[in-house]
Amino acid sequence: MQPEQATFLLHAVALPWLKVEHPLTRKVIEAVPLDKGDYRPNPNSRPAFELAWHIASAENRFLDGVASGEFNYGGSTPPETVRNSADVAK
């Protein structure tokens, strides 16, 4: 991909998508009750807090991968300061 093509995709596709998707994602994460971060609809499911972190961090990992050209397919652990869905939504 040439730099001009990347710039076009960034401005025509990625940024408009992010402007729409980010507020919606934030609302979903904020909807997780602060005292229900350990909720699992099924014992095999991830807890609600872990899913909220996964959703938020996946967006960042994707954008970092686009910028660097290298994608990190591993998950990430939330920092110690991120303890609940409100912290994730910040």
Protein backbone atom coordinates (compact mmCIF):
# COMPACT_ATOMS: atom_id res chain seq x y z
CA MET A 1 0.00 0.00 0.00
CA GLN A 2 1.28 3.42 -0.89
CA PRO A 3 1.22 6.29 1.64
CA GLU A 4 -1.43 8.12 -0.38
CA GLN A 5 -3.67 5.05 -0.30
CA ALA A 6 -3.20 4.67 3.45
CA THR A 7 -4.02 8.34 4.00
CA PHE A 8 -7.17 7.99 1.91
CA LEU A 9 -8.29 4.89 3.82
CA LEU A 10 -7.59 6.58 7.13
CA HIS A 11 -9.65 9.67 6.31
CA ALA A 12 -12.37 8.06 4.18
CA VAL A 13 -12.94 4.85 6.11
CA ALA A 14 -11.20 4.43 9.46
CA LEU A 15 -11.80 7.81 11.10
CA PRO A 16 -15.49 8.09 10.09
CA TRP A 17 -16.04 4.52 11.34
CA LEU A 18 -14.28 5.29 14.61
CA LYS A 19 -16.32 8.46 15.16
CA VAL A 20 -19.52 6.40 14.95
CA GLU A 21 -18.34 3.20 16.62
CA HIS A 22 -16.47 4.64 19.62
CA PRO A 23 -19.47 6.31 21.32
CA LEU A 24 -21.57 3.17 20.80
CA THR A 25 -18.87 0.95 22.23
CA ARG A 26 -18.50 3.26 25.21
CA LYS A 27 -22.26 3.08 25.91
CA VAL A 28 -22.18 -0.73 25.84
CA ILE A 29 -19.24 -0.84 28.25
CA GLU A 30 -20.83 1.75 30.56
CA ALA A 31 -23.97 -0.43 30.67
CA VAL A 32 -22.10 -3.15 32.58
CA PRO A 33 -23.16 -2.62 36.22
CA LEU A 34 -20.16 -1.78 38.41
CA ASP A 35 -21.02 -4.55 40.86
CA LYS A 36 -21.61 -7.19 38.16
CA GLY A 37 -18.20 -7.34 36.48
CA ASP A 38 -17.92 -11.00 37.42
CA TYR A 39 -21.26 -11.92 35.80
CA ARG A 40 -21.14 -14.86 33.38
CA PRO A 41 -24.30 -16.08 31.61
CA ASN A 42 -22.61 -19.48 31.37
CA PRO A 43 -19.71 -20.99 33.34
CA ASN A 44 -17.75 -21.24 30.07
CA SER A 45 -18.26 -17.53 29.27
CA ARG A 46 -15.84 -14.75 30.01
CA PRO A 47 -16.91 -12.44 32.85
CA ALA A 48 -18.55 -9.12 31.88
CA PHE A 49 -15.54 -7.04 32.99
CA GLU A 50 -13.15 -9.16 30.94
CA LEU A 51 -15.39 -8.79 27.87
CA ALA A 52 -15.56 -5.02 28.36
CA TRP A 53 -11.76 -4.84 28.57
CA HIS A 54 -11.40 -7.12 25.54
CA ILE A 55 -13.70 -4.92 23.43
CA ALA A 56 -11.95 -1.68 24.41
CA SER A 57 -8.42 -3.01 24.11
CA ALA A 58 -9.14 -4.75 20.78
CA GLU A 59 -10.00 -1.38 19.21
CA ASN A 60 -6.69 0.03 20.43
CA ARG A 61 -4.70 -3.02 19.34
CA PHE A 62 -6.28 -2.85 15.89
CA LEU A 63 -5.43 0.84 15.46
CA ASP A 64 -1.90 0.26 16.77
CA GLY A 65 -1.52 -2.57 14.27
CA VAL A 66 -2.66 -0.37 11.40
CA ALA A 67 -0.21 2.34 12.43
CA SER A 68 2.76 0.02 12.99
CA GLY A 69 2.00 -2.61 10.35
CA GLU A 70 2.30 -5.35 13.00
CA PHE A 71 -0.69 -6.91 14.70
CA ASN A 72 -0.64 -8.25 18.25
CA TYR A 73 -3.06 -11.16 18.32
CA GLY A 74 -2.58 -11.85 22.00
CA GLY A 75 -4.87 -10.39 24.60
CA SER A 76 -3.83 -7.73 27.02
CA THR A 77 -4.18 -7.45 30.77
CA PRO A 78 -5.86 -4.32 32.13
CA PRO A 79 -3.63 -1.98 34.12
CA GLU A 80 -4.07 -2.06 37.90
CA THR A 81 -5.93 1.27 37.71
CA VAL A 82 -8.69 -0.30 35.58
CA ARG A 83 -10.94 -2.13 38.04
CA ASN A 84 -14.47 -1.94 36.60
CA SER A 85 -16.48 -1.03 33.50
CA ALA A 86 -16.42 2.69 34.34
CA ASP A 87 -12.62 2.60 34.33
CA VAL A 88 -12.64 0.77 30.99
CA ALA A 89 -14.99 3.35 29.47
CA LYS A 90 -12.72 6.28 30.39
